[in-house]
PDB file of N, CA and C in Angstrom:
ATOM      1  N   MET A   1       1.974  -6.088  20.385  1.00  0.00           N
ATOM      2  CA  MET A   1       1.485  -5.941  19.044  1.00  0.00           C
ATOM      3  C   MET A   1       0.545  -4.737  18.993  1.00  0.00           C
ATOM      4  N   ALA A   2       0.715  -3.936  17.946  1.00  0.00           N
ATOM      5  CA  ALA A   2      -0.099  -2.725  17.772  1.00  0.00           C
ATOM      6  C   ALA A   2      -1.011  -2.882  16.560  1.00  0.00           C
ATOM      7  N   ASN A   3      -1.979  -1.998  16.467  1.00  0.00           N
ATOM      8  CA  ASN A   3      -2.869  -1.936  15.314  1.00  0.00           C
ATOM      9  C   ASN A   3      -2.509  -0.708  14.499  1.00  0.00           C
ATOM     10  N   PHE A   4      -2.342  -0.898  13.185  1.00  0.00           N
ATOM     11  CA  PHE A   4      -2.012   0.204  12.292  1.00  0.00           C
ATOM     12  C   PHE A   4      -3.080   0.328  11.217  1.00  0.00           C
ATOM     13  N   LEU A   5      -3.472   1.554  10.938  1.00  0.00           N
ATOM     14  CA  LEU A   5      -4.382   1.858   9.851  1.00  0.00           C
ATOM     15  C   LEU A   5      -3.664   2.836   8.935  1.00  0.00           C
ATOM     16  N   PHE A   6      -3.464   2.432   7.696  1.00  0.00           N
ATOM     17  CA  PHE A   6      -2.833   3.294   6.703  1.00  0.00           C
ATOM     18  C   PHE A   6      -3.915   3.757   5.737  1.00  0.00           C
ATOM     19  N   VAL A   7      -3.986   5.065   5.497  1.00  0.00           N
ATOM     20  CA  VAL A   7      -5.002   5.644   4.625  1.00  0.00           C
ATOM     21  C   VAL A   7      -4.291   6.319   3.452  1.00  0.00           C
ATOM     22  N   LEU A   8      -4.666   5.890   2.261  1.00  0.00           N
ATOM     23  CA  LEU A   8      -4.105   6.477   1.042  1.00  0.00           C
ATOM     24  C   LEU A   8      -5.200   7.286   0.367  1.00  0.00           C
ATOM     25  N   SER A   9      -4.984   8.594   0.261  1.00  0.00           N
ATOM     26  CA  SER A   9      -6.029   9.473  -0.281  1.00  0.00           C
ATOM     27  C   SER A   9      -5.598  10.174  -1.563  1.00  0.00           C
ATOM     28  N   ARG A  10      -4.429   9.833  -2.092  1.00  0.00           N
ATOM     29  CA  ARG A  10      -3.945  10.515  -3.291  1.00  0.00           C
ATOM     30  C   ARG A  10      -3.627   9.510  -4.389  1.00  0.00           C
ATOM     31  N   ASP A  11      -3.833   9.918  -5.613  1.00  0.00           N
ATOM     32  CA  ASP A  11      -3.437   9.130  -6.769  1.00  0.00           C
ATOM     33  C   ASP A  11      -2.015   9.545  -7.128  1.00  0.00           C
ATOM     34  N   ASP A  12      -1.087   9.155  -6.281  1.00  0.00           N
ATOM     35  CA  ASP A  12       0.303   9.596  -6.393  1.00  0.00           C
ATOM     36  C   ASP A  12       1.199   8.376  -6.191  1.00  0.00           C
ATOM     37  N   ASN A  13       2.053   8.102  -7.155  1.00  0.00           N
ATOM     38  CA  ASN A  13       2.901   6.918  -7.113  1.00  0.00           C
ATOM     39  C   ASN A  13       3.802   6.880  -5.877  1.00  0.00           C
ATOM     40  N   GLN A  14       4.411   7.988  -5.549  1.00  0.00           N
ATOM     41  CA  GLN A  14       5.318   8.016  -4.405  1.00  0.00           C
ATOM     42  C   GLN A  14       4.566   7.825  -3.085  1.00  0.00           C
ATOM     43  N   ALA A  15       3.419   8.459  -2.939  1.00  0.00           N
ATOM     44  CA  ALA A  15       2.618   8.301  -1.718  1.00  0.00           C
ATOM     45  C   ALA A  15       2.144   6.855  -1.578  1.00  0.00           C
ATOM     46  N   ALA A  16       1.714   6.241  -2.669  1.00  0.00           N
ATOM     47  CA  ALA A  16       1.254   4.854  -2.627  1.00  0.00           C
ATOM     48  C   ALA A  16       2.399   3.912  -2.271  1.00  0.00           C
ATOM     49  N   THR A  17       3.551   4.135  -2.868  1.00  0.00           N
ATOM     50  CA  THR A  17       4.705   3.282  -2.582  1.00  0.00           C
ATOM     51  C   THR A  17       5.051   3.324  -1.100  1.00  0.00           C
ATOM     52  N   ARG A  18       5.098   4.514  -0.509  1.00  0.00           N
ATOM     53  CA  ARG A  18       5.424   4.626   0.917  1.00  0.00           C
ATOM     54  C   ARG A  18       4.340   4.003   1.791  1.00  0.00           C
ATOM     55  N   CYS A  19       3.087   4.222   1.435  1.00  0.00           N
ATOM     56  CA  CYS A  19       1.983   3.638   2.197  1.00  0.00           C
ATOM     57  C   CYS A  19       2.104   2.118   2.216  1.00  0.00           C
ATOM     58  N   PHE A  20       2.316   1.518   1.050  1.00  0.00           N
ATOM     59  CA  PHE A  20       2.435   0.059   0.957  1.00  0.00           C
ATOM     60  C   PHE A  20       3.695  -0.426   1.678  1.00  0.00           C
ATOM     61  N   GLN A  21       4.784   0.335   1.562  1.00  0.00           N
ATOM     62  CA  GLN A  21       6.030  -0.048   2.234  1.00  0.00           C
ATOM     63  C   GLN A  21       5.855  -0.035   3.750  1.00  0.00           C
ATOM     64  N   PHE A  22       5.272   1.009   4.286  1.00  0.00           N
ATOM     65  CA  PHE A  22       5.095   1.094   5.740  1.00  0.00           C
ATOM     66  C   PHE A  22       4.139   0.018   6.236  1.00  0.00           C
ATOM     67  N   ALA A  23       3.110  -0.274   5.462  1.00  0.00           N
ATOM     68  CA  ALA A  23       2.178  -1.334   5.839  1.00  0.00           C
ATOM     69  C   ALA A  23       2.888  -2.690   5.868  1.00  0.00           C
ATOM     70  N   GLN A  24       3.739  -2.930   4.877  1.00  0.00           N
ATOM     71  CA  GLN A  24       4.488  -4.186   4.844  1.00  0.00           C
ATOM     72  C   GLN A  24       5.436  -4.294   6.037  1.00  0.00           C
ATOM     73  N   ILE A  25       6.128  -3.235   6.338  1.00  0.00           N
ATOM     74  CA  ILE A  25       7.065  -3.242   7.470  1.00  0.00           C
ATOM     75  C   ILE A  25       6.320  -3.518   8.769  1.00  0.00           C
ATOM     76  N   ALA A  26       5.211  -2.824   8.997  1.00  0.00           N
ATOM     77  CA  ALA A  26       4.440  -3.029  10.229  1.00  0.00           C
ATOM     78  C   ALA A  26       3.954  -4.463  10.328  1.00  0.00           C
ATOM     79  N   HIS A  27       3.427  -5.003   9.238  1.00  0.00           N
ATOM     80  CA  HIS A  27       2.921  -6.375   9.260  1.00  0.00           C
ATOM     81  C   HIS A  27       4.053  -7.372   9.492  1.00  0.00           C
ATOM     82  N   SER A  28       5.179  -7.165   8.842  1.00  0.00           N
ATOM     83  CA  SER A  28       6.298  -8.103   8.989  1.00  0.00           C
ATOM     84  C   SER A  28       6.871  -8.103  10.406  1.00  0.00           C
ATOM     85  N   LYS A  29       6.592  -7.046  11.173  1.00  0.00           N
ATOM     86  CA  LYS A  29       7.017  -6.987  12.573  1.00  0.00           C
ATOM     87  C   LYS A  29       5.953  -7.538  13.511  1.00  0.00           C
ATOM     88  N   GLY A  30       4.880  -8.118  12.942  1.00  0.00           N
ATOM     89  CA  GLY A  30       3.864  -8.781  13.747  1.00  0.00           C
ATOM     90  C   GLY A  30       2.678  -7.936  14.142  1.00  0.00           C
ATOM     91  N   HIS A  31       2.567  -6.748  13.600  1.00  0.00           N
ATOM     92  CA  HIS A  31       1.458  -5.863  13.950  1.00  0.00           C
ATOM     93  C   HIS A  31       0.245  -6.133  13.055  1.00  0.00           C
ATOM     94  N   ASN A  32      -0.939  -5.779  13.541  1.00  0.00           N
ATOM     95  CA  ASN A  32      -2.153  -5.843  12.739  1.00  0.00           C
ATOM     96  C   ASN A  32      -2.196  -4.619  11.836  1.00  0.00           C
ATOM     97  N   VAL A  33      -2.499  -4.846  10.563  1.00  0.00           N
ATOM     98  CA  VAL A  33      -2.465  -3.763   9.581  1.00  0.00           C
ATOM     99  C   VAL A  33      -3.749  -3.764   8.764  1.00  0.00           C
ATOM    100  N   ASP A  34      -4.304  -2.573   8.552  1.00  0.00           N
ATOM    101  CA  ASP A  34      -5.417  -2.353   7.638  1.00  0.00           C
ATOM    102  C   ASP A  34      -5.055  -1.189   6.732  1.00  0.00           C
ATOM    103  N   LEU A  35      -5.529  -1.243   5.493  1.00  0.00           N
ATOM    104  CA  LEU A  35      -5.342  -0.155   4.532  1.00  0.00           C
ATOM    105  C   LEU A  35      -6.706   0.324   4.068  1.00  0.00           C
ATOM    106  N   PHE A  36      -6.831   1.618   3.856  1.00  0.00           N
ATOM    107  CA  PHE A  36      -8.045   2.169   3.271  1.00  0.00           C
ATOM    108  C   PHE A  36      -7.655   3.109   2.147  1.00  0.00           C
ATOM    109  N   PHE A  37      -8.335   2.970   1.005  1.00  0.00           N
ATOM    110  CA  PHE A  37      -8.178   3.884  -0.122  1.00  0.00           C
ATOM    111  C   PHE A  37      -9.384   4.813  -0.104  1.00  0.00           C
ATOM    112  N   ILE A  38      -9.132   6.110   0.009  1.00  0.00           N
ATOM    113  CA  ILE A  38     -10.212   7.097  -0.011  1.00  0.00           C
ATOM    114  C   ILE A  38      -9.889   8.172  -1.044  1.00  0.00           C
ATOM    115  N   ASP A  39     -10.873   8.969  -1.374  1.00  0.00           N
ATOM    116  CA  ASP A  39     -10.710  10.073  -2.326  1.00  0.00           C
ATOM    117  C   ASP A  39     -10.004   9.554  -3.583  1.00  0.00           C
ATOM    118  N   ASP A  40      -8.954  10.233  -4.042  1.00  0.00           N
ATOM    119  CA  ASP A  40      -8.253   9.790  -5.252  1.00  0.00           C
ATOM    120  C   ASP A  40      -7.433   8.520  -5.039  1.00  0.00           C
ATOM    121  N   GLY A  41      -7.273   8.103  -3.808  1.00  0.00           N
ATOM    122  CA  GLY A  41      -6.567   6.854  -3.529  1.00  0.00           C
ATOM    123  C   GLY A  41      -7.301   5.628  -4.044  1.00  0.00           C
ATOM    124  N   VAL A  42      -8.609   5.751  -4.321  1.00  0.00           N
ATOM    125  CA  VAL A  42      -9.365   4.595  -4.816  1.00  0.00           C
ATOM    126  C   VAL A  42      -8.860   4.129  -6.176  1.00  0.00           C
ATOM    127  N   PHE A  43      -8.163   4.978  -6.907  1.00  0.00           N
ATOM    128  CA  PHE A  43      -7.621   4.571  -8.200  1.00  0.00           C
ATOM    129  C   PHE A  43      -6.589   3.449  -8.061  1.00  0.00           C
ATOM    130  N   TRP A  44      -6.036   3.268  -6.868  1.00  0.00           N
ATOM    131  CA  TRP A  44      -5.074   2.191  -6.640  1.00  0.00           C
ATOM    132  C   TRP A  44      -5.745   0.831  -6.528  1.00  0.00           C
ATOM    133  N   ALA A  45      -7.069   0.792  -6.473  1.00  0.00           N
ATOM    134  CA  ALA A  45      -7.797  -0.480  -6.438  1.00  0.00           C
ATOM    135  C   ALA A  45      -7.969  -1.072  -7.838  1.00  0.00           C
ATOM    136  N   ASP A  46      -7.601  -0.336  -8.866  1.00  0.00           N
ATOM    137  CA  ASP A  46      -7.696  -0.808 -10.253  1.00  0.00           C
ATOM    138  C   ASP A  46      -6.616  -1.862 -10.485  1.00  0.00           C
ATOM    139  N   THR A  47      -7.035  -3.109 -10.699  1.00  0.00           N
ATOM    140  CA  THR A  47      -6.073  -4.208 -10.848  1.00  0.00           C
ATOM    141  C   THR A  47      -5.279  -4.155 -12.154  1.00  0.00           C
ATOM    142  N   SER A  48      -5.718  -3.326 -13.105  1.00  0.00           N
ATOM    143  CA  SER A  48      -4.971  -3.220 -14.361  1.00  0.00           C
ATOM    144  C   SER A  48      -3.958  -2.069 -14.338  1.00  0.00           C
ATOM    145  N   ARG A  49      -3.847  -1.417 -13.202  1.00  0.00           N
ATOM    146  CA  ARG A  49      -2.954  -0.271 -13.068  1.00  0.00           C
ATOM    147  C   ARG A  49      -1.482  -0.696 -13.134  1.00  0.00           C
ATOM    148  N   ASN A  50      -0.652   0.161 -13.718  1.00  0.00           N
ATOM    149  CA  ASN A  50       0.785  -0.089 -13.766  1.00  0.00           C
ATOM    150  C   ASN A  50       1.378   0.160 -12.384  1.00  0.00           C
ATOM    151  N   LEU A  51       1.926  -0.873 -11.784  1.00  0.00           N
ATOM    152  CA  LEU A  51       2.508  -0.767 -10.443  1.00  0.00           C
ATOM    153  C   LEU A  51       4.036  -0.743 -10.473  1.00  0.00           C
ATOM    154  N   THR A  52       4.611  -0.590 -11.667  1.00  0.00           N
ATOM    155  CA  THR A  52       6.064  -0.663 -11.794  1.00  0.00           C
ATOM    156  C   THR A  52       6.729   0.697 -11.984  1.00  0.00           C
ATOM    157  N   ALA A  53       5.968   1.776 -11.950  1.00  0.00           N
ATOM    158  CA  ALA A  53       6.553   3.108 -12.078  1.00  0.00           C
ATOM    159  C   ALA A  53       7.395   3.403 -10.835  1.00  0.00           C
ATOM    160  N   GLU A  54       8.652   3.733 -11.055  1.00  0.00           N
ATOM    161  CA  GLU A  54       9.582   3.929  -9.943  1.00  0.00           C
ATOM    162  C   GLU A  54       9.452   5.312  -9.308  1.00  0.00           C
ATOM    163  N   THR A  55       9.729   5.339  -8.010  1.00  0.00           N
ATOM    164  CA  THR A  55       9.820   6.598  -7.264  1.00  0.00           C
ATOM    165  C   THR A  55      11.248   7.122  -7.403  1.00  0.00           C
ATOM    166  N   PRO A  56      11.538   8.323  -6.919  1.00  0.00           N
ATOM    167  CA  PRO A  56      12.914   8.834  -6.986  1.00  0.00           C
ATOM    168  C   PRO A  56      13.933   7.944  -6.263  1.00  0.00           C
ATOM    169  N   THR A  57      13.481   7.131  -5.303  1.00  0.00           N
ATOM    170  CA  THR A  57      14.405   6.250  -4.591  1.00  0.00           C
ATOM    171  C   THR A  57      14.585   4.900  -5.280  1.00  0.00           C
ATOM    172  N   GLY A  58      13.870   4.685  -6.394  1.00  0.00           N
ATOM    173  CA  GLY A  58      14.064   3.489  -7.190  1.00  0.00           C
ATOM    174  C   GLY A  58      13.121   2.334  -6.888  1.00  0.00           C
ATOM    175  N   ASP A  59      12.292   2.457  -5.855  1.00  0.00           N
ATOM    176  CA  ASP A  59      11.326   1.389  -5.592  1.00  0.00           C
ATOM    177  C   ASP A  59       9.986   1.755  -6.217  1.00  0.00           C
ATOM    178  N   CYS A  60       9.058   0.830  -6.186  1.00  0.00           N
ATOM    179  CA  CYS A  60       7.766   1.048  -6.821  1.00  0.00           C
ATOM    180  C   CYS A  60       6.680   0.329  -6.026  1.00  0.00           C
ATOM    181  N   PRO A  61       5.408   0.638  -6.270  1.00  0.00           N
ATOM    182  CA  PRO A  61       4.331  -0.022  -5.531  1.00  0.00           C
ATOM    183  C   PRO A  61       4.379  -1.546  -5.626  1.00  0.00           C
ATOM    184  N   ASN A  62       4.819  -2.061  -6.769  1.00  0.00           N
ATOM    185  CA  ASN A  62       4.874  -3.507  -6.966  1.00  0.00           C
ATOM    186  C   ASN A  62       5.917  -4.187  -6.071  1.00  0.00           C
ATOM    187  N   ASP A  63       6.796  -3.421  -5.456  1.00  0.00           N
ATOM    188  CA  ASP A  63       7.762  -3.995  -4.507  1.00  0.00           C
ATOM    189  C   ASP A  63       7.088  -4.378  -3.193  1.00  0.00           C
ATOM    190  N   TYR A  64       5.919  -3.809  -2.900  1.00  0.00           N
ATOM    191  CA  TYR A  64       5.279  -3.994  -1.602  1.00  0.00           C
ATOM    192  C   TYR A  64       3.849  -4.517  -1.657  1.00  0.00           C
ATOM    193  N   LEU A  65       3.064  -4.080  -2.638  1.00  0.00           N
ATOM    194  CA  LEU A  65       1.655  -4.458  -2.686  1.00  0.00           C
ATOM    195  C   LEU A  65       1.425  -5.970  -2.792  1.00  0.00           C
ATOM    196  N   PRO A  66       2.195  -6.713  -3.587  1.00  0.00           N
ATOM    197  CA  PRO A  66       1.969  -8.166  -3.634  1.00  0.00           C
ATOM    198  C   PRO A  66       2.092  -8.837  -2.256  1.00  0.00           C
ATOM    199  N   TYR A  67       3.013  -8.371  -1.432  1.00  0.00           N
ATOM    200  CA  TYR A  67       3.147  -8.910  -0.074  1.00  0.00           C
ATOM    201  C   TYR A  67       1.855  -8.707   0.702  1.00  0.00           C
ATOM    202  N   LEU A  68       1.276  -7.522   0.591  1.00  0.00           N
ATOM    203  CA  LEU A  68       0.052  -7.221   1.330  1.00  0.00           C
ATOM    204  C   LEU A  68      -1.102  -8.095   0.861  1.00  0.00           C
ATOM    205  N   VAL A  69      -1.192  -8.304  -0.437  1.00  0.00           N
ATOM    206  CA  VAL A  69      -2.256  -9.152  -0.994  1.00  0.00           C
ATOM    207  C   VAL A  69      -2.044 -10.603  -0.571  1.00  0.00           C
ATOM    208  N   GLU A  70      -0.818 -11.089  -0.703  1.00  0.00           N
ATOM    209  CA  GLU A  70      -0.517 -12.488  -0.349  1.00  0.00           C
ATOM    210  C   GLU A  70      -0.779 -12.768   1.127  1.00  0.00           C
ATOM    211  N   ASN A  71      -0.570 -11.779   1.969  1.00  0.00           N
ATOM    212  CA  ASN A  71      -0.782 -11.942   3.406  1.00  0.00           C
ATOM    213  C   ASN A  71      -2.181 -11.529   3.844  1.00  0.00           C
ATOM    214  N   GLU A  72      -3.038 -11.312   2.851  1.00  0.00           N
ATOM    215  CA  GLU A  72      -4.465 -11.024   3.076  1.00  0.00           C
ATOM    216  C   GLU A  72      -4.698  -9.837   4.018  1.00  0.00           C
ATOM    217  N   ILE A  73      -3.883  -8.788   3.826  1.00  0.00           N
ATOM    218  CA  ILE A  73      -4.088  -7.552   4.569  1.00  0.00           C
ATOM    219  C   ILE A  73      -5.399  -6.939   4.083  1.00  0.00           C
ATOM    220  N   HIS A  74      -6.238  -6.530   5.018  1.00  0.00           N
ATOM    221  CA  HIS A  74      -7.530  -5.931   4.647  1.00  0.00           C
ATOM    222  C   HIS A  74      -7.300  -4.597   3.968  1.00  0.00           C
ATOM    223  N   ILE A  75      -7.859  -4.475   2.755  1.00  0.00           N
ATOM    224  CA  ILE A  75      -7.781  -3.213   2.009  1.00  0.00           C
ATOM    225  C   ILE A  75      -9.211  -2.777   1.732  1.00  0.00           C
ATOM    226  N   GLY A  76      -9.620  -1.683   2.351  1.00  0.00           N
ATOM    227  CA  GLY A  76     -10.960  -1.156   2.152  1.00  0.00           C
ATOM    228  C   GLY A  76     -10.962  -0.029   1.141  1.00  0.00           C
ATOM    229  N   VAL A  77     -12.020   0.008   0.344  1.00  0.00           N
ATOM    230  CA  VAL A  77     -12.147   1.053  -0.684  1.00  0.00           C
ATOM    231  C   VAL A  77     -13.440   1.791  -0.427  1.00  0.00           C
TER     232      VAL A  77
END
């Protein structure tokens, strides 16, 4: 088992989607996962934010972030 730290520093839908997706994949494989929002990434801590905006590949932050919350992944702001 490895430890993963994912850092999101941009207010960018595609970057956030990939960050959340990779964190979910790592956690689902049994690894320890932490997320940190820094710089403009802190805007993703807004609970009223629209998480359904799709990326060019058709997925969105809402496809992955609920898993991280439900599994109590540490998210630091």
